[in-house]
Amino acid sequence: ISIKYFRMIKIEGSGIGFIDVMDLDIKQDLKKKIKKHLLDLIIDCSKTIPDKSFLSEIRSFQKTHNRCFVIIIPIEKKIYYPESWDLVPTKQEALDFISFEQIQRELGF
């Protein structure tokens, strides 16, 4: 698997971007990168959780462009987010979730 970086977005697998929220310096810069590179996206919030409005804005953009947005978050923190959000406790679960969604998208579901 070839791994590339778009500054703070690590590309893993087929069209999957991974961001560790701890690596974020400027959130505006991240938004520009996300809009420039249309990817299914995982953001790791396991160590620190950014402002909910920031996550909501990214989620909205991803949804508008028919792309996945999965947040890695500790199980006990899930109660602070809507049930409709895709929240998982580990990176492997996030990758599996997006892989499944990509297959469904390719099949037209």
PDB file of N, CA and C in Angstrom:
ATOM      1  N   ILE A   1       0.848  -1.183   0.000  1.00  0.00           N
ATOM      2  CA  ILE A   1       0.000   0.000   0.000  1.00  0.00           C
ATOM      3  C   ILE A   1       0.889   1.240   0.000  1.00  0.00           C
ATOM      4  N   SER A   2       0.618   2.080  -0.932  1.00  0.00           N
ATOM      5  CA  SER A   2       1.356   3.343  -1.007  1.00  0.00           C
ATOM      6  C   SER A   2       0.721   4.351  -0.061  1.00  0.00           C
ATOM      7  N   ILE A   3       1.549   4.964   0.778  1.00  0.00           N
ATOM      8  CA  ILE A   3       1.041   5.967   1.710  1.00  0.00           C
ATOM      9  C   ILE A   3       1.600   7.318   1.306  1.00  0.00           C
ATOM     10  N   LYS A   4       0.717   8.258   1.078  1.00  0.00           N
ATOM     11  CA  LYS A   4       1.103   9.614   0.710  1.00  0.00           C
ATOM     12  C   LYS A   4       0.594  10.558   1.779  1.00  0.00           C
ATOM     13  N   TYR A   5       1.156  11.738   1.809  1.00  0.00           N
ATOM     14  CA  TYR A   5       0.712  12.752   2.744  1.00  0.00           C
ATOM     15  C   TYR A   5       0.367  14.029   1.997  1.00  0.00           C
ATOM     16  N   PHE A   6      -0.752  14.623   2.314  1.00  0.00           N
ATOM     17  CA  PHE A   6      -1.097  15.966   1.864  1.00  0.00           C
ATOM     18  C   PHE A   6      -0.994  16.841   3.095  1.00  0.00           C
ATOM     19  N   ARG A   7       0.236  17.107   3.481  1.00  0.00           N
ATOM     20  CA  ARG A   7       0.581  17.853   4.687  1.00  0.00           C
ATOM     21  C   ARG A   7       0.034  17.162   5.921  1.00  0.00           C
ATOM     22  N   MET A   8      -1.216  17.386   6.296  1.00  0.00           N
ATOM     23  CA  MET A   8      -1.727  16.775   7.522  1.00  0.00           C
ATOM     24  C   MET A   8      -2.697  15.633   7.259  1.00  0.00           C
ATOM     25  N   ILE A   9      -2.948  15.314   5.989  1.00  0.00           N
ATOM     26  CA  ILE A   9      -3.841  14.202   5.662  1.00  0.00           C
ATOM     27  C   ILE A   9      -2.990  13.046   5.144  1.00  0.00           C
ATOM     28  N   LYS A  10      -3.029  11.938   5.838  1.00  0.00           N
ATOM     29  CA  LYS A  10      -2.306  10.735   5.429  1.00  0.00           C
ATOM     30  C   LYS A  10      -3.263   9.902   4.580  1.00  0.00           C
ATOM     31  N   ILE A  11      -2.819   9.493   3.407  1.00  0.00           N
ATOM     32  CA  ILE A  11      -3.667   8.705   2.522  1.00  0.00           C
ATOM     33  C   ILE A  11      -3.412   7.227   2.795  1.00  0.00           C
ATOM     34  N   GLU A  12      -4.462   6.529   3.163  1.00  0.00           N
ATOM     35  CA  GLU A  12      -4.362   5.106   3.482  1.00  0.00           C
ATOM     36  C   GLU A  12      -5.358   4.335   2.632  1.00  0.00           C
ATOM     37  N   GLY A  13      -4.866   3.310   1.977  1.00  0.00           N
ATOM     38  CA  GLY A  13      -5.765   2.498   1.184  1.00  0.00           C
ATOM     39  C   GLY A  13      -6.270   3.259  -0.035  1.00  0.00           C
ATOM     40  N   SER A  14      -7.394   2.861  -0.511  1.00  0.00           N
ATOM     41  CA  SER A  14      -7.962   3.414  -1.728  1.00  0.00           C
ATOM     42  C   SER A  14      -8.852   4.622  -1.437  1.00  0.00           C
ATOM     43  N   GLY A  15      -8.295   5.809  -1.591  1.00  0.00           N
ATOM     44  CA  GLY A  15      -9.086   7.024  -1.430  1.00  0.00           C
ATOM     45  C   GLY A  15      -9.548   7.327  -0.023  1.00  0.00           C
ATOM     46  N   ILE A  16      -8.772   6.878   0.963  1.00  0.00           N
ATOM     47  CA  ILE A  16      -9.127   7.121   2.366  1.00  0.00           C
ATOM     48  C   ILE A  16      -8.103   8.058   2.990  1.00  0.00           C
ATOM     49  N   GLY A  17      -8.567   9.194   3.469  1.00  0.00           N
ATOM     50  CA  GLY A  17      -7.701  10.132   4.162  1.00  0.00           C
ATOM     51  C   GLY A  17      -7.802   9.930   5.664  1.00  0.00           C
ATOM     52  N   PHE A  18      -6.664  10.007   6.342  1.00  0.00           N
ATOM     53  CA  PHE A  18      -6.625   9.844   7.797  1.00  0.00           C
ATOM     54  C   PHE A  18      -5.983  11.077   8.413  1.00  0.00           C
ATOM     55  N   ILE A  19      -6.641  11.631   9.418  1.00  0.00           N
ATOM     56  CA  ILE A  19      -6.136  12.815  10.103  1.00  0.00           C
ATOM     57  C   ILE A  19      -6.155  12.544  11.599  1.00  0.00           C
ATOM     58  N   ASP A  20      -5.022  12.785  12.243  1.00  0.00           N
ATOM     59  CA  ASP A  20      -4.979  12.748  13.701  1.00  0.00           C
ATOM     60  C   ASP A  20      -5.197  14.186  14.154  1.00  0.00           C
ATOM     61  N   VAL A  21      -6.248  14.431  14.896  1.00  0.00           N
ATOM     62  CA  VAL A  21      -6.586  15.794  15.306  1.00  0.00           C
ATOM     63  C   VAL A  21      -5.453  16.440  16.112  1.00  0.00           C
ATOM     64  N   MET A  22      -4.597  15.623  16.713  1.00  0.00           N
ATOM     65  CA  MET A  22      -3.457  16.153  17.467  1.00  0.00           C
ATOM     66  C   MET A  22      -2.446  16.837  16.542  1.00  0.00           C
ATOM     67  N   ASP A  23      -2.465  16.483  15.245  1.00  0.00           N
ATOM     68  CA  ASP A  23      -1.528  17.060  14.282  1.00  0.00           C
ATOM     69  C   ASP A  23      -2.018  18.375  13.682  1.00  0.00           C
ATOM     70  N   LEU A  24      -3.225  18.766  14.035  1.00  0.00           N
ATOM     71  CA  LEU A  24      -3.797  19.967  13.429  1.00  0.00           C
ATOM     72  C   LEU A  24      -3.245  21.234  14.061  1.00  0.00           C
ATOM     73  N   ASP A  25      -2.788  22.126  13.214  1.00  0.00           N
ATOM     74  CA  ASP A  25      -2.348  23.440  13.669  1.00  0.00           C
ATOM     75  C   ASP A  25      -3.408  24.482  13.319  1.00  0.00           C
ATOM     76  N   ILE A  26      -3.726  24.512  12.047  1.00  0.00           N
ATOM     77  CA  ILE A  26      -4.671  25.513  11.560  1.00  0.00           C
ATOM     78  C   ILE A  26      -5.864  24.782  10.947  1.00  0.00           C
ATOM     79  N   LYS A  27      -7.002  24.912  11.564  1.00  0.00           N
ATOM     80  CA  LYS A  27      -8.193  24.194  11.097  1.00  0.00           C
ATOM     81  C   LYS A  27      -8.640  24.679   9.722  1.00  0.00           C
ATOM     82  N   GLN A  28      -8.464  25.970   9.422  1.00  0.00           N
ATOM     83  CA  GLN A  28      -8.843  26.503   8.111  1.00  0.00           C
ATOM     84  C   GLN A  28      -8.064  25.799   7.015  1.00  0.00           C
ATOM     85  N   ASP A  29      -6.757  25.576   7.261  1.00  0.00           N
ATOM     86  CA  ASP A  29      -5.915  24.906   6.281  1.00  0.00           C
ATOM     87  C   ASP A  29      -6.437  23.497   6.017  1.00  0.00           C
ATOM     88  N   LEU A  30      -6.869  22.822   7.056  1.00  0.00           N
ATOM     89  CA  LEU A  30      -7.424  21.482   6.896  1.00  0.00           C
ATOM     90  C   LEU A  30      -8.664  21.525   6.013  1.00  0.00           C
ATOM     91  N   LYS A  31      -9.536  22.468   6.250  1.00  0.00           N
ATOM     92  CA  LYS A  31     -10.757  22.569   5.441  1.00  0.00           C
ATOM     93  C   LYS A  31     -10.422  22.745   3.962  1.00  0.00           C
ATOM     94  N   LYS A  32      -9.413  23.546   3.665  1.00  0.00           N
ATOM     95  CA  LYS A  32      -8.991  23.744   2.272  1.00  0.00           C
ATOM     96  C   LYS A  32      -8.474  22.444   1.681  1.00  0.00           C
ATOM     97  N   LYS A  33      -7.682  21.706   2.448  1.00  0.00           N
ATOM     98  CA  LYS A  33      -7.126  20.429   1.976  1.00  0.00           C
ATOM     99  C   LYS A  33      -8.239  19.417   1.704  1.00  0.00           C
ATOM    100  N   ILE A  34      -9.202  19.357   2.578  1.00  0.00           N
ATOM    101  CA  ILE A  34     -10.309  18.420   2.406  1.00  0.00           C
ATOM    102  C   ILE A  34     -11.079  18.750   1.137  1.00  0.00           C
ATOM    103  N   LYS A  35     -11.299  20.021   0.892  1.00  0.00           N
ATOM    104  CA  LYS A  35     -12.047  20.434  -0.298  1.00  0.00           C
ATOM    105  C   LYS A  35     -11.252  20.219  -1.575  1.00  0.00           C
ATOM    106  N   LYS A  36      -9.931  20.273  -1.466  1.00  0.00           N
ATOM    107  CA  LYS A  36      -9.067  20.085  -2.633  1.00  0.00           C
ATOM    108  C   LYS A  36      -8.928  18.610  -3.000  1.00  0.00           C
ATOM    109  N   HIS A  37      -8.849  17.743  -2.018  1.00  0.00           N
ATOM    110  CA  HIS A  37      -8.649  16.304  -2.230  1.00  0.00           C
ATOM    111  C   HIS A  37      -9.892  15.568  -1.742  1.00  0.00           C
ATOM    112  N   LEU A  38     -10.798  15.297  -2.645  1.00  0.00           N
ATOM    113  CA  LEU A  38     -12.056  14.648  -2.280  1.00  0.00           C
ATOM    114  C   LEU A  38     -11.796  13.185  -1.927  1.00  0.00           C
ATOM    115  N   LEU A  39     -11.854  12.890  -0.632  1.00  0.00           N
ATOM    116  CA  LEU A  39     -11.549  11.568  -0.103  1.00  0.00           C
ATOM    117  C   LEU A  39     -12.605  11.144   0.903  1.00  0.00           C
ATOM    118  N   ASP A  40     -12.721   9.846   1.121  1.00  0.00           N
ATOM    119  CA  ASP A  40     -13.417   9.376   2.305  1.00  0.00           C
ATOM    120  C   ASP A  40     -12.470   9.694   3.453  1.00  0.00           C
ATOM    121  N   LEU A  41     -13.010  10.097   4.586  1.00  0.00           N
ATOM    122  CA  LEU A  41     -12.158  10.685   5.610  1.00  0.00           C
ATOM    123  C   LEU A  41     -12.372  10.085   6.993  1.00  0.00           C
ATOM    124  N   ILE A  42     -11.247   9.843   7.672  1.00  0.00           N
ATOM    125  CA  ILE A  42     -11.243   9.411   9.074  1.00  0.00           C
ATOM    126  C   ILE A  42     -10.524  10.495   9.853  1.00  0.00           C
ATOM    127  N   ILE A  43     -11.125  10.925  10.955  1.00  0.00           N
ATOM    128  CA  ILE A  43     -10.437  11.862  11.841  1.00  0.00           C
ATOM    129  C   ILE A  43     -10.342  11.224  13.216  1.00  0.00           C
ATOM    130  N   ASP A  44      -9.108  11.132  13.709  1.00  0.00           N
ATOM    131  CA  ASP A  44      -8.847  10.478  14.987  1.00  0.00           C
ATOM    132  C   ASP A  44      -8.950  11.500  16.116  1.00  0.00           C
ATOM    133  N   CYS A  45      -9.997  11.377  16.901  1.00  0.00           N
ATOM    134  CA  CYS A  45     -10.241  12.257  18.049  1.00  0.00           C
ATOM    135  C   CYS A  45     -10.122  11.466  19.346  1.00  0.00           C
ATOM    136  N   SER A  46      -9.320  10.411  19.337  1.00  0.00           N
ATOM    137  CA  SER A  46      -9.220   9.555  20.516  1.00  0.00           C
ATOM    138  C   SER A  46      -8.483  10.222  21.677  1.00  0.00           C
ATOM    139  N   LYS A  47      -7.587  11.159  21.378  1.00  0.00           N
ATOM    140  CA  LYS A  47      -6.825  11.814  22.447  1.00  0.00           C
ATOM    141  C   LYS A  47      -7.369  13.194  22.798  1.00  0.00           C
ATOM    142  N   THR A  48      -7.894  13.884  21.832  1.00  0.00           N
ATOM    143  CA  THR A  48      -8.497  15.200  22.074  1.00  0.00           C
ATOM    144  C   THR A  48      -9.616  15.411  21.069  1.00  0.00           C
ATOM    145  N   ILE A  49     -10.649  16.099  21.489  1.00  0.00           N
ATOM    146  CA  ILE A  49     -11.818  16.286  20.637  1.00  0.00           C
ATOM    147  C   ILE A  49     -11.952  17.761  20.275  1.00  0.00           C
ATOM    148  N   PRO A  50     -11.934  18.060  18.981  1.00  0.00           N
ATOM    149  CA  PRO A  50     -12.086  19.456  18.570  1.00  0.00           C
ATOM    150  C   PRO A  50     -13.524  19.930  18.765  1.00  0.00           C
ATOM    151  N   ASP A  51     -13.725  21.187  18.518  1.00  0.00           N
ATOM    152  CA  ASP A  51     -15.040  21.790  18.614  1.00  0.00           C
ATOM    153  C   ASP A  51     -16.045  21.024  17.748  1.00  0.00           C
ATOM    154  N   LYS A  52     -17.213  20.770  18.286  1.00  0.00           N
ATOM    155  CA  LYS A  52     -18.245  20.003  17.582  1.00  0.00           C
ATOM    156  C   LYS A  52     -18.652  20.677  16.270  1.00  0.00           C
ATOM    157  N   SER A  53     -18.661  22.011  16.229  1.00  0.00           N
ATOM    158  CA  SER A  53     -19.041  22.711  15.004  1.00  0.00           C
ATOM    159  C   SER A  53     -18.019  22.475  13.892  1.00  0.00           C
ATOM    160  N   PHE A  54     -16.750  22.338  14.262  1.00  0.00           N
ATOM    161  CA  PHE A  54     -15.701  22.032  13.290  1.00  0.00           C
ATOM    162  C   PHE A  54     -15.950  20.662  12.659  1.00  0.00           C
ATOM    163  N   LEU A  55     -16.225  19.668  13.489  1.00  0.00           N
ATOM    164  CA  LEU A  55     -16.520  18.332  12.989  1.00  0.00           C
ATOM    165  C   LEU A  55     -17.800  18.318  12.162  1.00  0.00           C
ATOM    166  N   SER A  56     -18.780  19.072  12.588  1.00  0.00           N
ATOM    167  CA  SER A  56     -20.057  19.141  11.881  1.00  0.00           C
ATOM    168  C   SER A  56     -19.883  19.731  10.484  1.00  0.00           C
ATOM    169  N   GLU A  57     -19.044  20.731  10.373  1.00  0.00           N
ATOM    170  CA  GLU A  57     -18.799  21.361   9.076  1.00  0.00           C
ATOM    171  C   GLU A  57     -18.122  20.384   8.108  1.00  0.00           C
ATOM    172  N   ILE A  58     -17.146  19.647   8.607  1.00  0.00           N
ATOM    173  CA  ILE A  58     -16.477  18.648   7.767  1.00  0.00           C
ATOM    174  C   ILE A  58     -17.457  17.553   7.373  1.00  0.00           C
ATOM    175  N   ARG A  59     -18.244  17.101   8.333  1.00  0.00           N
ATOM    176  CA  ARG A  59     -19.236  16.051   8.060  1.00  0.00           C
ATOM    177  C   ARG A  59     -20.217  16.493   6.977  1.00  0.00           C
ATOM    178  N   SER A  60     -20.678  17.719   7.070  1.00  0.00           N
ATOM    179  CA  SER A  60     -21.615  18.261   6.090  1.00  0.00           C
ATOM    180  C   SER A  60     -20.993  18.295   4.688  1.00  0.00           C
ATOM    181  N   PHE A  61     -19.752  18.736   4.604  1.00  0.00           N
ATOM    182  CA  PHE A  61     -19.067  18.778   3.310  1.00  0.00           C
ATOM    183  C   PHE A  61     -18.937  17.375   2.725  1.00  0.00           C
ATOM    184  N   GLN A  62     -18.524  16.427   3.554  1.00  0.00           N
ATOM    185  CA  GLN A  62     -18.347  15.050   3.096  1.00  0.00           C
ATOM    186  C   GLN A  62     -19.674  14.464   2.605  1.00  0.00           C
ATOM    187  N   LYS A  63     -20.717  14.702   3.354  1.00  0.00           N
ATOM    188  CA  LYS A  63     -22.042  14.179   3.006  1.00  0.00           C
ATOM    189  C   LYS A  63     -22.526  14.770   1.669  1.00  0.00           C
ATOM    190  N   THR A  64     -22.311  16.070   1.487  1.00  0.00           N
ATOM    191  CA  THR A  64     -22.700  16.756   0.248  1.00  0.00           C
ATOM    192  C   THR A  64     -21.997  16.144  -0.961  1.00  0.00           C
ATOM    193  N   HIS A  65     -20.776  15.686  -0.775  1.00  0.00           N
ATOM    194  CA  HIS A  65     -19.990  15.131  -1.877  1.00  0.00           C
ATOM    195  C   HIS A  65     -19.980  13.597  -1.891  1.00  0.00           C
ATOM    196  N   ASN A  66     -20.946  13.000  -1.204  1.00  0.00           N
ATOM    197  CA  ASN A  66     -21.119  11.549  -1.175  1.00  0.00           C
ATOM    198  C   ASN A  66     -19.839  10.825  -0.749  1.00  0.00           C
ATOM    199  N   ARG A  67     -19.208  11.355   0.281  1.00  0.00           N
ATOM    200  CA  ARG A  67     -17.997  10.758   0.839  1.00  0.00           C
ATOM    201  C   ARG A  67     -18.219  10.455   2.314  1.00  0.00           C
ATOM    202  N   CYS A  68     -17.551   9.420   2.789  1.00  0.00           N
ATOM    203  CA  CYS A  68     -17.675   9.013   4.187  1.00  0.00           C
ATOM    204  C   CYS A  68     -16.886   9.946   5.096  1.00  0.00           C
ATOM    205  N   PHE A  69     -17.377  10.049   6.312  1.00  0.00           N
ATOM    206  CA  PHE A  69     -16.666  10.766   7.370  1.00  0.00           C
ATOM    207  C   PHE A  69     -16.848   9.969   8.649  1.00  0.00           C
ATOM    208  N   VAL A  70     -15.760   9.370   9.120  1.00  0.00           N
ATOM    209  CA  VAL A  70     -15.790   8.529  10.311  1.00  0.00           C
ATOM    210  C   VAL A  70     -14.897   9.165  11.364  1.00  0.00           C
ATOM    211  N   ILE A  71     -15.399   9.231  12.583  1.00  0.00           N
ATOM    212  CA  ILE A  71     -14.660   9.826  13.687  1.00  0.00           C
ATOM    213  C   ILE A  71     -14.273   8.724  14.665  1.00  0.00           C
ATOM    214  N   ILE A  72     -12.975   8.664  14.979  1.00  0.00           N
ATOM    215  CA  ILE A  72     -12.504   7.742  16.011  1.00  0.00           C
ATOM    216  C   ILE A  72     -12.606   8.485  17.338  1.00  0.00           C
ATOM    217  N   ILE A  73     -13.378   7.902  18.238  1.00  0.00           N
ATOM    218  CA  ILE A  73     -13.660   8.568  19.504  1.00  0.00           C
ATOM    219  C   ILE A  73     -13.870   7.509  20.596  1.00  0.00           C
ATOM    220  N   PRO A  74     -13.435   7.772  21.804  1.00  0.00           N
ATOM    221  CA  PRO A  74     -13.675   6.801  22.881  1.00  0.00           C
ATOM    222  C   PRO A  74     -15.175   6.529  23.056  1.00  0.00           C
ATOM    223  N   ILE A  75     -15.497   5.297  23.361  1.00  0.00           N
ATOM    224  CA  ILE A  75     -16.898   4.877  23.494  1.00  0.00           C
ATOM    225  C   ILE A  75     -17.674   5.764  24.467  1.00  0.00           C
ATOM    226  N   GLU A  76     -17.069   6.137  25.571  1.00  0.00           N
ATOM    227  CA  GLU A  76     -17.777   6.939  26.576  1.00  0.00           C
ATOM    228  C   GLU A  76     -18.094   8.361  26.098  1.00  0.00           C
ATOM    229  N   LYS A  77     -17.455   8.813  25.024  1.00  0.00           N
ATOM    230  CA  LYS A  77     -17.706  10.172  24.487  1.00  0.00           C
ATOM    231  C   LYS A  77     -18.786  10.186  23.412  1.00  0.00           C
ATOM    232  N   LYS A  78     -19.192   9.006  22.951  1.00  0.00           N
ATOM    233  CA  LYS A  78     -20.184   8.917  21.880  1.00  0.00           C
ATOM    234  C   LYS A  78     -21.508   9.589  22.243  1.00  0.00           C
ATOM    235  N   ILE A  79     -21.829   9.629  23.505  1.00  0.00           N
ATOM    236  CA  ILE A  79     -23.127  10.175  23.934  1.00  0.00           C
ATOM    237  C   ILE A  79     -23.260  11.670  23.626  1.00  0.00           C
ATOM    238  N   TYR A  80     -22.152  12.334  23.353  1.00  0.00           N
ATOM    239  CA  TYR A  80     -22.182  13.774  23.076  1.00  0.00           C
ATOM    240  C   TYR A  80     -22.442  14.098  21.608  1.00  0.00           C
ATOM    241  N   TYR A  81     -22.615  13.064  20.788  1.00  0.00           N
ATOM    242  CA  TYR A  81     -22.792  13.264  19.348  1.00  0.00           C
ATOM    243  C   TYR A  81     -24.068  12.584  18.869  1.00  0.00           C
ATOM    244  N   PRO A  82     -24.639  13.100  17.782  1.00  0.00           N
ATOM    245  CA  PRO A  82     -25.862  12.490  17.241  1.00  0.00           C
ATOM    246  C   PRO A  82     -25.625  11.035  16.824  1.00  0.00           C
ATOM    247  N   GLU A  83     -26.649  10.226  16.963  1.00  0.00           N
ATOM    248  CA  GLU A  83     -26.554   8.814  16.591  1.00  0.00           C
ATOM    249  C   GLU A  83     -26.293   8.631  15.101  1.00  0.00           C
ATOM    250  N   SER A  84     -26.662   9.606  14.298  1.00  0.00           N
ATOM    251  CA  SER A  84     -26.486   9.502  12.851  1.00  0.00           C
ATOM    252  C   SER A  84     -25.021   9.650  12.418  1.00  0.00           C
ATOM    253  N   TRP A  85     -24.167  10.137  13.316  1.00  0.00           N
ATOM    254  CA  TRP A  85     -22.751  10.283  12.995  1.00  0.00           C
ATOM    255  C   TRP A  85     -22.079   8.914  13.050  1.00  0.00           C
ATOM    256  N   ASP A  86     -21.078   8.715  12.199  1.00  0.00           N
ATOM    257  CA  ASP A  86     -20.342   7.458  12.167  1.00  0.00           C
ATOM    258  C   ASP A  86     -19.154   7.557  13.122  1.00  0.00           C
ATOM    259  N   LEU A  87     -19.336   6.987  14.313  1.00  0.00           N
ATOM    260  CA  LEU A  87     -18.344   7.047  15.385  1.00  0.00           C
ATOM    261  C   LEU A  87     -17.878   5.633  15.704  1.00  0.00           C
ATOM    262  N   VAL A  88     -16.574   5.444  15.743  1.00  0.00           N
ATOM    263  CA  VAL A  88     -16.008   4.131  16.059  1.00  0.00           C
ATOM    264  C   VAL A  88     -14.869   4.309  17.058  1.00  0.00           C
ATOM    265  N   PRO A  89     -14.537   3.246  17.818  1.00  0.00           N
ATOM    266  CA  PRO A  89     -13.487   3.382  18.836  1.00  0.00           C
ATOM    267  C   PRO A  89     -12.058   3.139  18.342  1.00  0.00           C
ATOM    268  N   THR A  90     -11.878   2.539  17.137  1.00  0.00           N
ATOM    269  CA  THR A  90     -10.519   2.227  16.683  1.00  0.00           C
ATOM    270  C   THR A  90     -10.315   2.582  15.210  1.00  0.00           C
ATOM    271  N   LYS A  91      -9.051   2.743  14.852  1.00  0.00           N
ATOM    272  CA  LYS A  91      -8.705   3.034  13.456  1.00  0.00           C
ATOM    273  C   LYS A  91      -9.098   1.871  12.545  1.00  0.00           C
ATOM    274  N   GLN A  92      -8.877   0.637  12.977  1.00  0.00           N
ATOM    275  CA  GLN A  92      -9.221  -0.516  12.148  1.00  0.00           C
ATOM    276  C   GLN A  92     -10.721  -0.556  11.851  1.00  0.00           C
ATOM    277  N   GLU A  93     -11.543  -0.259  12.851  1.00  0.00           N
ATOM    278  CA  GLU A  93     -12.987  -0.220  12.621  1.00  0.00           C
ATOM    279  C   GLU A  93     -13.359   0.887  11.636  1.00  0.00           C
ATOM    280  N   ALA A  94     -12.671   2.012  11.716  1.00  0.00           N
ATOM    281  CA  ALA A  94     -12.926   3.114  10.786  1.00  0.00           C
ATOM    282  C   ALA A  94     -12.572   2.705   9.359  1.00  0.00           C
ATOM    283  N   LEU A  95     -11.420   2.072   9.183  1.00  0.00           N
ATOM    284  CA  LEU A  95     -11.006   1.607   7.853  1.00  0.00           C
ATOM    285  C   LEU A  95     -11.981   0.569   7.310  1.00  0.00           C
ATOM    286  N   ASP A  96     -12.402  -0.364   8.162  1.00  0.00           N
ATOM    287  CA  ASP A  96     -13.375  -1.384   7.745  1.00  0.00           C
ATOM    288  C   ASP A  96     -14.704  -0.752   7.345  1.00  0.00           C
ATOM    289  N   PHE A  97     -15.160   0.216   8.133  1.00  0.00           N
ATOM    290  CA  PHE A  97     -16.426   0.900   7.859  1.00  0.00           C
ATOM    291  C   PHE A  97     -16.371   1.569   6.486  1.00  0.00           C
ATOM    292  N   ILE A  98     -15.296   2.302   6.226  1.00  0.00           N
ATOM    293  CA  ILE A  98     -15.188   3.013   4.949  1.00  0.00           C
ATOM    294  C   ILE A  98     -15.045   2.036   3.789  1.00  0.00           C
ATOM    295  N   SER A  99     -14.284   0.969   3.964  1.00  0.00           N
ATOM    296  CA  SER A  99     -14.146  -0.035   2.898  1.00  0.00           C
ATOM    297  C   SER A  99     -15.501  -0.607   2.514  1.00  0.00           C
ATOM    298  N   PHE A 100     -16.303  -0.915   3.503  1.00  0.00           N
ATOM    299  CA  PHE A 100     -17.649  -1.432   3.259  1.00  0.00           C
ATOM    300  C   PHE A 100     -18.502  -0.396   2.523  1.00  0.00           C
ATOM    301  N   GLU A 101     -18.432   0.853   2.958  1.00  0.00           N
ATOM    302  CA  GLU A 101     -19.198   1.930   2.309  1.00  0.00           C
ATOM    303  C   GLU A 101     -18.751   2.123   0.857  1.00  0.00           C
ATOM    304  N   GLN A 102     -17.442   2.021   0.598  1.00  0.00           N
ATOM    305  CA  GLN A 102     -16.928   2.160  -0.762  1.00  0.00           C
ATOM    306  C   GLN A 102     -17.458   1.046  -1.670  1.00  0.00           C
ATOM    307  N   ILE A 103     -17.510  -0.156  -1.142  1.00  0.00           N
ATOM    308  CA  ILE A 103     -18.049  -1.278  -1.913  1.00  0.00           C
ATOM    309  C   ILE A 103     -19.517  -1.029  -2.256  1.00  0.00           C
ATOM    310  N   GLN A 104     -20.284  -0.583  -1.271  1.00  0.00           N
ATOM    311  CA  GLN A 104     -21.698  -0.284  -1.509  1.00  0.00           C
ATOM    312  C   GLN A 104     -21.851   0.831  -2.542  1.00  0.00           C
ATOM    313  N   ARG A 105     -21.032   1.845  -2.475  1.00  0.00           N
ATOM    314  CA  ARG A 105     -21.096   2.952  -3.425  1.00  0.00           C
ATOM    315  C   ARG A 105     -20.787   2.469  -4.841  1.00  0.00           C
ATOM    316  N   GLU A 106     -19.767   1.589  -4.982  1.00  0.00           N
ATOM    317  CA  GLU A 106     -19.413   1.044  -6.278  1.00  0.00           C
ATOM    318  C   GLU A 106     -20.529   0.196  -6.869  1.00  0.00           C
ATOM    319  N   LEU A 107     -21.271  -0.474  -5.988  1.00  0.00           N
ATOM    320  CA  LEU A 107     -22.380  -1.320  -6.445  1.00  0.00           C
ATOM    321  C   LEU A 107     -23.667  -0.518  -6.656  1.00  0.00           C
ATOM    322  N   GLY A 108     -23.640   0.752  -6.323  1.00  0.00           N
ATOM    323  CA  GLY A 108     -24.801   1.603  -6.553  1.00  0.00           C
ATOM    324  C   GLY A 108     -25.828   1.628  -5.442  1.00  0.00           C
ATOM    325  N   PHE A 109     -25.445   1.223  -4.244  1.00  0.00           N
ATOM    326  CA  PHE A 109     -26.376   1.244  -3.112  1.00  0.00           C
ATOM    327  C   PHE A 109     -26.300   2.554  -2.384  1.00  0.00           C
TER     328      PHE A 109
END
